[in-house]
């Protein structure tokens, strides 16, 4: 029996997971303005992985960026969250259907 190999997690992925959890739990409130400095201090990380995580949160609708006013936690409704997860599931299935012929 061999030990399981553990896939290393990037700092950006760890920051994303932590921030997303904070949003879902309500620790980061909808409408709250967030800055890279505050988030990096909160997570104990440098700015670069936090910037990558925040960009991903913006792209997935958890946060909103306004170039003139900053970045804010997005207003989330239960319906919006369910919609995002349904879309994500569809995209995963599409990706698998595209990759199976390539890998086979």
C-alpha atoms as a PDB file:
ATOM      1  CA  UNK A   1       0.000   0.000   0.000  1.00  0.00           C
ATOM      2  CA  UNK A   2       1.430   3.378  -0.982  1.00  0.00           C
ATOM      3  CA  UNK A   3       0.650   6.684   0.696  1.00  0.00           C
ATOM      4  CA  UNK A   4      -1.780   8.963  -1.115  1.00  0.00           C
ATOM      5  CA  UNK A   5      -0.209  11.752  -3.082  1.00  0.00           C
ATOM      6  CA  UNK A   6      -1.425  15.147  -1.989  1.00  0.00           C
ATOM      7  CA  UNK A   7      -1.805  17.751  -4.684  1.00  0.00           C
ATOM      8  CA  UNK A   8      -0.247  21.029  -3.552  1.00  0.00           C
ATOM      9  CA  UNK A   9      -2.603  23.987  -3.430  1.00  0.00           C
ATOM     10  CA  UNK A  10      -1.391  27.340  -4.723  1.00  0.00           C
ATOM     11  CA  UNK A  11      -1.535  30.360  -2.456  1.00  0.00           C
ATOM     12  CA  UNK A  12      -4.013  31.974  -4.858  1.00  0.00           C
ATOM     13  CA  UNK A  13      -6.293  28.913  -4.643  1.00  0.00           C
ATOM     14  CA  UNK A  14      -6.050  28.892  -0.846  1.00  0.00           C
ATOM     15  CA  UNK A  15      -6.859  32.631  -0.759  1.00  0.00           C
ATOM     16  CA  UNK A  16      -9.817  32.105  -3.109  1.00  0.00           C
ATOM     17  CA  UNK A  17     -11.218  29.267  -0.982  1.00  0.00           C
ATOM     18  CA  UNK A  18     -10.860  31.261   2.220  1.00  0.00           C
ATOM     19  CA  UNK A  19     -12.416  34.423   0.774  1.00  0.00           C
ATOM     20  CA  UNK A  20     -15.274  32.533  -0.887  1.00  0.00           C
ATOM     21  CA  UNK A  21     -16.041  30.796   2.406  1.00  0.00           C
ATOM     22  CA  UNK A  22     -16.007  34.167   4.174  1.00  0.00           C
ATOM     23  CA  UNK A  23     -18.494  35.523   1.625  1.00  0.00           C
ATOM     24  CA  UNK A  24     -20.797  32.494   1.839  1.00  0.00           C
ATOM     25  CA  UNK A  25     -20.744  32.582   5.652  1.00  0.00           C
ATOM     26  CA  UNK A  26     -21.489  36.302   5.657  1.00  0.00           C
ATOM     27  CA  UNK A  27     -18.201  37.285   7.277  1.00  0.00           C
ATOM     28  CA  UNK A  28     -17.609  39.516   4.253  1.00  0.00           C
ATOM     29  CA  UNK A  29     -20.960  41.247   3.833  1.00  0.00           C
ATOM     30  CA  UNK A  30     -22.715  42.124   0.573  1.00  0.00           C
ATOM     31  CA  UNK A  31     -21.886  45.697  -0.401  1.00  0.00           C
ATOM     32  CA  UNK A  32     -18.757  45.741   1.768  1.00  0.00           C
ATOM     33  CA  UNK A  33     -15.778  47.450   0.133  1.00  0.00           C
ATOM     34  CA  UNK A  34     -12.647  45.295   0.166  1.00  0.00           C
ATOM     35  CA  UNK A  35      -9.053  46.224  -0.599  1.00  0.00           C
ATOM     36  CA  UNK A  36      -6.082  44.056  -1.440  1.00  0.00           C
ATOM     37  CA  UNK A  37      -4.220  45.370   1.597  1.00  0.00           C
ATOM     38  CA  UNK A  38      -6.990  44.539   4.068  1.00  0.00           C
ATOM     39  CA  UNK A  39      -7.582  41.095   2.546  1.00  0.00           C
ATOM     40  CA  UNK A  40      -3.876  40.258   2.399  1.00  0.00           C
ATOM     41  CA  UNK A  41      -3.505  41.259   6.058  1.00  0.00           C
ATOM     42  CA  UNK A  42      -6.575  39.202   6.957  1.00  0.00           C
ATOM     43  CA  UNK A  43      -5.178  36.123   5.175  1.00  0.00           C
ATOM     44  CA  UNK A  44      -1.541  36.690   6.108  1.00  0.00           C
ATOM     45  CA  UNK A  45      -0.490  36.553   2.444  1.00  0.00           C
ATOM     46  CA  UNK A  46       1.244  38.814  -0.015  1.00  0.00           C
ATOM     47  CA  UNK A  47      -0.777  40.916  -2.441  1.00  0.00           C
ATOM     48  CA  UNK A  48      -0.216  38.769  -5.549  1.00  0.00           C
ATOM     49  CA  UNK A  49      -2.168  35.611  -4.564  1.00  0.00           C
ATOM     50  CA  UNK A  50      -4.888  37.754  -2.998  1.00  0.00           C
ATOM     51  CA  UNK A  51      -5.170  39.794  -6.233  1.00  0.00           C
ATOM     52  CA  UNK A  52      -5.514  36.560  -8.238  1.00  0.00           C
ATOM     53  CA  UNK A  53      -8.174  35.274  -5.823  1.00  0.00           C
ATOM     54  CA  UNK A  54     -10.077  38.556  -5.922  1.00  0.00           C
ATOM     55  CA  UNK A  55     -10.009  38.584  -9.732  1.00  0.00           C
ATOM     56  CA  UNK A  56     -11.456  35.067  -9.715  1.00  0.00           C
ATOM     57  CA  UNK A  57     -14.155  36.112  -7.236  1.00  0.00           C
ATOM     58  CA  UNK A  58     -15.065  39.003  -9.541  1.00  0.00           C
ATOM     59  CA  UNK A  59     -15.180  36.703 -12.589  1.00  0.00           C
ATOM     60  CA  UNK A  60     -17.471  34.287 -10.719  1.00  0.00           C
ATOM     61  CA  UNK A  61     -19.813  37.009  -9.465  1.00  0.00           C
ATOM     62  CA  UNK A  62     -18.901  36.929  -5.765  1.00  0.00           C
ATOM     63  CA  UNK A  63     -17.427  40.424  -5.982  1.00  0.00           C
ATOM     64  CA  UNK A  64     -17.850  43.444  -8.236  1.00  0.00           C
ATOM     65  CA  UNK A  65     -15.064  45.763  -9.351  1.00  0.00           C
ATOM     66  CA  UNK A  66     -15.676  49.399 -10.273  1.00  0.00           C
ATOM     67  CA  UNK A  67     -12.493  51.079 -11.548  1.00  0.00           C
ATOM     68  CA  UNK A  68     -13.477  54.407  -9.995  1.00  0.00           C
ATOM     69  CA  UNK A  69     -14.829  53.165  -6.657  1.00  0.00           C
ATOM     70  CA  UNK A  70     -13.035  49.897  -5.836  1.00  0.00           C
ATOM     71  CA  UNK A  71     -14.091  46.323  -5.238  1.00  0.00           C
ATOM     72  CA  UNK A  72     -17.187  45.304  -3.309  1.00  0.00           C
ATOM     73  CA  UNK A  73     -18.690  42.019  -2.190  1.00  0.00           C
ATOM     74  CA  UNK A  74     -21.588  41.290  -4.538  1.00  0.00           C
ATOM     75  CA  UNK A  75     -25.184  41.094  -3.410  1.00  0.00           C
ATOM     76  CA  UNK A  76     -26.064  37.394  -3.460  1.00  0.00           C
ATOM     77  CA  UNK A  77     -29.466  35.834  -3.434  1.00  0.00           C
ATOM     78  CA  UNK A  78     -30.061  32.140  -2.897  1.00  0.00           C
ATOM     79  CA  UNK A  79     -31.382  31.927  -6.460  1.00  0.00           C
ATOM     80  CA  UNK A  80     -28.209  33.529  -7.839  1.00  0.00           C
ATOM     81  CA  UNK A  81     -26.002  31.112  -5.927  1.00  0.00           C
ATOM     82  CA  UNK A  82     -28.011  28.133  -7.180  1.00  0.00           C
ATOM     83  CA  UNK A  83     -27.806  29.505 -10.721  1.00  0.00           C
ATOM     84  CA  UNK A  84     -24.011  29.768 -10.510  1.00  0.00           C
ATOM     85  CA  UNK A  85     -23.667  26.176  -9.264  1.00  0.00           C
ATOM     86  CA  UNK A  86     -26.012  24.841 -11.967  1.00  0.00           C
ATOM     87  CA  UNK A  87     -24.008  26.668 -14.630  1.00  0.00           C
ATOM     88  CA  UNK A  88     -20.789  25.350 -13.166  1.00  0.00           C
ATOM     89  CA  UNK A  89     -22.160  21.794 -13.329  1.00  0.00           C
ATOM     90  CA  UNK A  90     -23.134  22.219 -16.973  1.00  0.00           C
ATOM     91  CA  UNK A  91     -19.690  23.602 -17.819  1.00  0.00           C
ATOM     92  CA  UNK A  92     -17.965  20.678 -16.112  1.00  0.00           C
ATOM     93  CA  UNK A  93     -20.065  18.200 -18.105  1.00  0.00           C
ATOM     94  CA  UNK A  94     -19.285  20.075 -21.318  1.00  0.00           C
ATOM     95  CA  UNK A  95     -15.576  20.049 -20.525  1.00  0.00           C
ATOM     96  CA  UNK A  96     -15.637  16.303 -19.843  1.00  0.00           C
ATOM     97  CA  UNK A  97     -17.483  15.632 -23.111  1.00  0.00           C
ATOM     98  CA  UNK A  98     -14.873  17.626 -25.020  1.00  0.00           C
ATOM     99  CA  UNK A  99     -11.880  16.044 -23.285  1.00  0.00           C
ATOM    100  CA  UNK A 100     -12.947  12.371 -23.435  1.00  0.00           C
ATOM    101  CA  UNK A 101     -12.286  12.032 -27.202  1.00  0.00           C
ATOM    102  CA  UNK A 102      -8.944  13.790 -26.806  1.00  0.00           C
ATOM    103  CA  UNK A 103      -7.759  11.601 -23.936  1.00  0.00           C
ATOM    104  CA  UNK A 104      -9.079   8.335 -25.411  1.00  0.00           C
END
